[in-house]
């Protein structure tokens, strides 16, 4: 495991397949603690393995130390926890690829990618039982955001690049729209993960789930929603994403735009001029709200996304 330094909480070699949970952390230890607290109850009737990949790059290792202290409070015979300190900030996709690789090494057969800004309710045993009987091999989960309960799907216009939450009950790929499992909570069978080869690492943050859904659709991996778990999602807590352009983080402005450029270059290259035009209009809208730094960050994202060397899926 060249891209991480292993820091173990408990030995993870166990005799039977279990549910594996991958969490990518970036200075979010307080949120991770809430998630682990919810997972401690979730693991009451089955063993759950958790791998936390720390992308924080804290030179004094304080964030990683905090994660280890938190993990030690919740680790037990049912909830196995391991922290991996990444050697660089790997982003969402590569970070989860690293975490899931470790989960597979230690025997997990169902693989759950969870954001730090989530908590869960239900039981691991019920989740795995439902997944085992399901005709699908990749799943979203029932999600509560801002008091609204949904099937945890997002909606991307593949004509304009605009992304919103989806109220649909099922994943759908059509000519100009894509309904996909939100990246805050995605569950894979082991076979589906291997067929997909995990997340596409050309994306640092945002758009990985839309790309994953298109690839699944192209190779015939069916996608559904598991009902035996409810995920509470505090959307945007870890990325600074917001619908208010005055408070949205510069990271979100840049990376959301950059990832859109990458996505459309890979999947809909003839629509790139439209996407650039629309993002340029977004720059103007952000400027009218008095956020010059945000407008500059969007422009930066356009340039980075158009110039990035793509390593796969072109």
Protein backbone atom coordinates (compact mmCIF):
# COMPACT_ATOMS: atom_id res chain seq x y z
CA UNK A 1 0.00 0.00 0.00
CA UNK A 2 2.37 2.66 -1.30
CA UNK A 3 0.03 5.64 -0.96
CA UNK A 4 -0.70 5.36 2.73
CA UNK A 5 0.92 4.71 6.06
CA UNK A 6 -0.99 2.09 8.02
CA UNK A 7 -2.05 2.80 11.60
CA UNK A 8 -4.04 -0.11 13.02
CA UNK A 9 -6.57 -0.06 15.83
CA UNK A 10 -7.36 -3.79 15.99
CA UNK A 11 -6.24 -6.82 13.95
CA UNK A 12 -8.58 -7.06 10.99
CA UNK A 13 -8.00 -10.67 9.98
CA UNK A 14 -11.38 -12.30 10.60
CA UNK A 15 -12.89 -15.58 9.46
CA UNK A 16 -16.15 -14.59 7.75
CA UNK A 17 -17.15 -11.98 5.12
CA UNK A 18 -18.45 -8.76 6.61
CA UNK A 19 -19.64 -5.29 5.70
CA UNK A 20 -16.76 -2.94 4.92
CA UNK A 21 -17.07 0.84 5.29
CA UNK A 22 -14.68 3.32 3.65
CA UNK A 23 -14.53 6.89 4.99
CA UNK A 24 -12.29 9.61 3.53
CA UNK A 25 -11.42 12.30 6.06
CA UNK A 26 -10.17 15.85 5.52
CA UNK A 27 -9.99 17.67 8.87
CA UNK A 28 -13.42 16.24 9.73
CA UNK A 29 -12.63 14.20 12.84
CA UNK A 30 -15.60 15.60 14.79
CA UNK A 31 -17.99 14.43 12.06
CA UNK A 32 -16.20 11.09 11.80
CA UNK A 33 -16.78 10.60 15.52
CA UNK A 34 -20.53 11.05 15.09
CA UNK A 35 -20.50 8.59 12.21
CA UNK A 36 -18.54 6.00 14.20
CA UNK A 37 -20.93 6.43 17.11
CA UNK A 38 -23.85 5.59 14.80
CA UNK A 39 -21.93 2.66 13.30
CA UNK A 40 -21.29 1.22 16.75
CA UNK A 41 -25.02 0.63 17.12
CA UNK A 42 -25.38 -0.36 13.46
CA UNK A 43 -22.82 -3.16 14.05
CA UNK A 44 -24.72 -4.65 16.98
CA UNK A 45 -25.71 -7.80 15.05
CA UNK A 46 -22.86 -8.27 12.56
CA UNK A 47 -19.20 -7.43 12.20
CA UNK A 48 -18.40 -4.17 10.41
CA UNK A 49 -14.93 -3.22 9.23
CA UNK A 50 -14.16 0.47 8.91
CA UNK A 51 -11.17 1.99 7.12
CA UNK A 52 -10.67 5.74 7.52
CA UNK A 53 -8.34 7.30 4.94
CA UNK A 54 -6.97 10.56 6.29
CA UNK A 55 -6.26 13.05 3.50
CA UNK A 56 -5.63 15.95 5.86
CA UNK A 57 -1.87 16.29 5.33
CA UNK A 58 -1.44 17.78 8.78
CA UNK A 59 2.36 18.20 9.17
CA UNK A 60 2.12 17.58 12.92
CA UNK A 61 -0.17 14.54 12.47
CA UNK A 62 -2.68 15.96 14.96
CA UNK A 63 -5.71 15.11 12.81
CA UNK A 64 -4.55 11.53 12.40
CA UNK A 65 -3.89 11.30 16.13
CA UNK A 66 -7.40 12.54 16.86
CA UNK A 67 -8.84 9.95 14.47
CA UNK A 68 -6.93 7.20 16.23
CA UNK A 69 -8.10 8.38 19.64
CA UNK A 70 -11.71 8.46 18.41
CA UNK A 71 -11.37 5.05 16.77
CA UNK A 72 -10.01 3.52 19.97
CA UNK A 73 -13.14 4.63 21.83
CA UNK A 74 -15.49 2.85 19.43
CA UNK A 75 -13.50 -0.18 18.23
CA UNK A 76 -14.70 -3.53 19.61
CA UNK A 77 -15.28 -7.12 18.50
CA UNK A 78 -18.10 -6.04 16.20
CA UNK A 79 -16.72 -2.74 14.93
CA UNK A 80 -13.17 -3.07 13.61
CA UNK A 81 -11.50 0.25 12.79
CA UNK A 82 -8.30 1.09 10.95
CA UNK A 83 -6.85 4.49 10.06
CA UNK A 84 -4.67 4.97 6.99
CA UNK A 85 -2.67 8.19 6.73
CA UNK A 86 -2.46 9.10 3.05
CA UNK A 87 0.92 10.34 1.86
CA UNK A 88 -0.81 13.06 -0.18
CA UNK A 89 -4.33 14.46 -0.45
CA UNK A 90 -5.83 11.80 -2.71
CA UNK A 91 -9.29 13.32 -3.05
CA UNK A 92 -12.59 11.43 -2.85
CA UNK A 93 -12.17 8.78 -5.53
CA UNK A 94 -8.57 7.76 -4.99
CA UNK A 95 -9.00 7.96 -1.22
CA UNK A 96 -11.94 5.57 -1.31
CA UNK A 97 -10.14 3.30 -3.76
CA UNK A 98 -7.37 3.01 -1.18
CA UNK A 99 -9.81 2.40 1.67
CA UNK A 100 -11.80 -0.23 -0.25
CA UNK A 101 -8.61 -2.02 -1.34
CA UNK A 102 -7.80 -2.48 2.35
CA UNK A 103 -11.34 -3.64 3.10
CA UNK A 104 -11.13 -6.26 0.36
CA UNK A 105 -7.77 -7.46 1.71
CA UNK A 106 -9.43 -8.10 5.07
CA UNK A 107 -12.46 -10.03 3.81
CA UNK A 108 -15.29 -7.58 3.17
CA UNK A 109 -17.80 -8.70 0.54
CA UNK A 110 -20.16 -5.70 0.69
CA UNK A 111 -18.41 -2.35 0.37
CA UNK A 112 -19.97 0.87 1.63
CA UNK A 113 -18.55 4.31 0.81
CA UNK A 114 -19.74 6.87 3.38
CA UNK A 115 -18.95 10.56 3.69
CA UNK A 116 -17.90 11.92 7.11
CA UNK A 117 -20.97 14.19 7.09
CA UNK A 118 -23.34 11.23 7.49
CA UNK A 119 -24.76 9.12 10.29
CA UNK A 120 -26.61 5.84 9.84
CA UNK A 121 -29.48 3.91 11.43
CA UNK A 122 -30.61 0.33 10.93
CA UNK A 123 -28.46 -2.78 11.23
CA UNK A 124 -25.58 -4.30 9.32
CA UNK A 125 -27.23 -7.71 9.34
CA UNK A 126 -30.42 -6.38 7.76
CA UNK A 127 -28.47 -4.41 5.16
CA UNK A 128 -26.41 -7.40 4.06
CA UNK A 129 -29.49 -9.64 4.02
CA UNK A 130 -31.33 -7.21 1.76
CA UNK A 131 -28.31 -6.77 -0.52
CA UNK A 132 -27.83 -10.55 -0.78
CA UNK A 133 -31.42 -10.99 -2.03
CA UNK A 134 -31.34 -7.97 -4.32
CA UNK A 135 -31.08 -8.36 -8.13
CA UNK A 136 -28.84 -5.29 -8.17
CA UNK A 137 -25.13 -5.12 -7.39
CA UNK A 138 -24.70 -1.40 -6.63
CA UNK A 139 -27.01 0.62 -4.39
CA UNK A 140 -27.92 4.01 -3.02
CA UNK A 141 -29.54 4.22 0.41
CA UNK A 142 -32.60 5.92 1.81
CA UNK A 143 -31.37 9.38 2.79
CA UNK A 144 -32.63 12.27 4.90
CA UNK A 145 -31.37 15.76 4.00
CA UNK A 146 -32.82 18.95 5.43
CA UNK A 147 -35.87 17.07 6.67
CA UNK A 148 -36.57 15.51 3.24
CA UNK A 149 -36.45 11.72 2.79
CA UNK A 150 -35.38 10.37 -0.61
CA UNK A 151 -33.70 7.40 -2.23
CA UNK A 152 -30.37 9.21 -2.03
CA UNK A 153 -30.12 10.00 -5.75
CA UNK A 154 -28.66 12.99 -7.55
CA UNK A 155 -29.73 14.41 -10.92
CA UNK A 156 -27.29 15.65 -13.55
CA UNK A 157 -28.38 17.38 -16.73
CA UNK A 158 -26.06 15.97 -19.35
CA UNK A 159 -26.95 18.93 -21.55
CA UNK A 160 -26.12 21.79 -19.15
CA UNK A 161 -24.00 20.13 -16.44
CA UNK A 162 -26.32 21.32 -13.66
CA UNK A 163 -26.58 18.93 -10.71
CA UNK A 164 -29.36 18.80 -8.10
CA UNK A 165 -30.95 16.32 -5.71
CA UNK A 166 -33.37 13.90 -7.35
CA UNK A 167 -36.81 12.91 -6.10
CA UNK A 168 -36.95 9.87 -8.39
CA UNK A 169 -37.25 6.40 -6.96
CA UNK A 170 -34.88 4.73 -9.43
CA UNK A 171 -31.62 5.38 -11.25
CA UNK A 172 -32.16 6.35 -14.88
CA UNK A 173 -29.87 7.16 -17.79
CA UNK A 174 -31.55 9.09 -20.60
CA UNK A 175 -30.43 11.29 -23.47
CA UNK A 176 -30.15 14.52 -21.52
CA UNK A 177 -30.31 13.49 -17.86
CA UNK A 178 -28.70 11.09 -15.43
CA UNK A 179 -30.09 10.02 -12.04
CA UNK A 180 -27.29 8.51 -9.95
CA UNK A 181 -26.55 7.33 -6.37
CA UNK A 182 -25.25 10.26 -4.32
CA UNK A 183 -21.60 9.93 -3.34
CA UNK A 184 -22.37 10.43 0.36
CA UNK A 185 -23.56 6.79 0.53
CA UNK A 186 -22.93 4.11 -2.10
CA UNK A 187 -22.86 0.35 -1.52
CA UNK A 188 -21.19 -2.15 -3.86
CA UNK A 189 -21.05 -5.90 -4.11
CA UNK A 190 -17.47 -7.11 -4.29
CA UNK A 191 -17.99 -8.28 -7.86
CA UNK A 192 -19.43 -4.92 -8.98
CA UNK A 193 -16.50 -3.03 -7.44
CA UNK A 194 -14.03 -5.27 -9.25
CA UNK A 195 -15.82 -4.95 -12.58
CA UNK A 196 -15.82 -1.16 -12.25
CA UNK A 197 -12.26 -1.04 -10.92
CA UNK A 198 -13.47 1.42 -8.30
CA UNK A 199 -13.75 5.17 -8.81
CA UNK A 200 -12.15 6.96 -11.75
CA UNK A 201 -9.21 8.85 -10.24
CA UNK A 202 -9.25 11.56 -12.91
CA UNK A 203 -11.82 13.23 -10.62
CA UNK A 204 -10.49 14.75 -7.41
CA UNK A 205 -13.84 15.83 -5.96
CA UNK A 206 -17.38 15.81 -7.43
CA UNK A 207 -18.84 13.95 -10.45
CA UNK A 208 -17.36 10.56 -9.53
CA UNK A 209 -20.83 9.10 -8.89
CA UNK A 210 -22.25 10.26 -12.24
CA UNK A 211 -19.25 8.76 -14.02
CA UNK A 212 -19.62 5.54 -12.01
CA UNK A 213 -23.31 5.27 -12.93
CA UNK A 214 -22.63 5.67 -16.65
CA UNK A 215 -19.91 3.02 -16.53
CA UNK A 216 -22.21 0.66 -14.60
CA UNK A 217 -24.98 1.17 -17.15
CA UNK A 218 -22.60 0.51 -20.03
CA UNK A 219 -21.43 -2.87 -18.67
CA UNK A 220 -24.81 -4.00 -17.34
CA UNK A 221 -24.41 -3.56 -13.57
CA UNK A 222 -27.90 -2.99 -12.15
CA UNK A 223 -28.34 -0.20 -9.58
CA UNK A 224 -31.00 -0.09 -6.87
CA UNK A 225 -31.75 1.41 -3.44
CA UNK A 226 -31.48 -0.46 -0.14
CA UNK A 227 -34.38 0.30 2.21
CA UNK A 228 -33.05 -1.35 5.38
CA UNK A 229 -30.79 1.58 6.26
CA UNK A 230 -31.41 5.31 6.64
CA UNK A 231 -28.55 7.75 6.16
CA UNK A 232 -28.76 11.25 7.61
CA UNK A 233 -26.68 13.55 5.40
CA UNK A 234 -25.49 16.98 6.49
CA UNK A 235 -24.90 18.00 2.87
CA UNK A 236 -21.85 20.10 2.06
CA UNK A 237 -20.40 20.02 5.57
CA UNK A 238 -17.08 18.54 4.47
CA UNK A 239 -16.65 20.25 1.08
CA UNK A 240 -18.09 23.70 1.69
CA UNK A 241 -20.61 23.11 -1.07
CA UNK A 242 -23.67 25.36 -0.92
CA UNK A 243 -26.41 26.70 -3.18
CA UNK A 244 -25.62 30.18 -1.82
CA UNK A 245 -22.84 31.52 -4.07
CA UNK A 246 -21.88 34.07 -1.42
CA UNK A 247 -20.91 31.39 1.11
CA UNK A 248 -19.79 28.54 -1.13
CA UNK A 249 -16.15 27.56 -0.61
CA UNK A 250 -13.50 28.34 -3.21
CA UNK A 251 -12.62 24.62 -3.23
CA UNK A 252 -16.19 23.75 -4.20
CA UNK A 253 -16.26 26.40 -6.94
CA UNK A 254 -12.99 25.18 -8.46
CA UNK A 255 -13.36 21.43 -8.10
CA UNK A 256 -17.03 21.25 -9.12
CA UNK A 257 -16.20 23.15 -12.31
CA UNK A 258 -13.01 21.24 -13.00
CA UNK A 259 -14.78 17.90 -12.56
CA UNK A 260 -17.56 18.91 -14.94
CA UNK A 261 -15.00 19.71 -17.60
CA UNK A 262 -13.36 16.31 -17.07
CA UNK A 263 -16.71 14.48 -17.07
CA UNK A 264 -17.91 16.03 -20.32
CA UNK A 265 -14.54 15.57 -22.00
CA UNK A 266 -14.78 11.87 -21.16
CA UNK A 267 -18.48 11.15 -21.68
CA UNK A 268 -20.01 13.89 -23.87
CA UNK A 269 -17.10 15.62 -25.63
CA UNK A 270 -19.25 17.33 -28.28
CA UNK A 271 -21.10 19.22 -25.53
CA UNK A 272 -17.97 20.84 -24.09
CA UNK A 273 -18.58 24.23 -25.78
CA UNK A 274 -22.05 24.40 -24.20
CA UNK A 275 -20.67 23.53 -20.76
CA UNK A 276 -17.94 26.17 -21.02
CA UNK A 277 -20.53 28.76 -22.05
CA UNK A 278 -22.81 27.85 -19.15
CA UNK A 279 -19.98 27.93 -16.60
CA UNK A 280 -18.95 31.32 -17.98
CA UNK A 281 -22.49 32.51 -17.32
CA UNK A 282 -22.09 31.15 -13.80
CA UNK A 283 -19.01 33.35 -13.41
CA UNK A 284 -21.11 36.39 -14.32
CA UNK A 285 -23.83 35.41 -11.82
CA UNK A 286 -21.33 34.96 -9.01
CA UNK A 287 -19.80 38.35 -9.83
CA UNK A 288 -23.21 40.02 -9.57
CA UNK A 289 -23.45 38.61 -6.04
CA UNK A 290 -20.19 40.36 -5.13
CA UNK A 291 -18.06 37.22 -4.95
CA UNK A 292 -15.07 38.02 -7.16
CA UNK A 293 -12.95 35.28 -5.55
CA UNK A 294 -15.64 32.71 -6.33
CA UNK A 295 -15.83 33.86 -9.95
CA UNK A 296 -12.05 33.54 -10.25
CA UNK A 297 -12.22 30.04 -8.76
CA UNK A 298 -14.78 28.97 -11.38
CA UNK A 299 -12.57 30.30 -14.17
CA UNK A 300 -9.65 28.40 -12.68
CA UNK A 301 -11.74 25.23 -12.64
CA UNK A 302 -12.61 25.62 -16.33
CA UNK A 303 -8.95 25.95 -17.28
CA UNK A 304 -7.79 23.11 -15.06
CA UNK A 305 -10.50 20.78 -16.31
CA UNK A 306 -9.82 21.51 -19.97
CA UNK A 307 -6.04 21.14 -19.61
CA UNK A 308 -5.92 18.10 -17.32
CA UNK A 309 -4.27 15.03 -18.82
CA UNK A 310 -6.84 12.25 -18.67
CA UNK A 311 -5.61 8.79 -17.78
CA UNK A 312 -8.71 6.66 -18.45
CA UNK A 313 -12.11 6.52 -20.08
CA UNK A 314 -11.41 8.80 -23.04
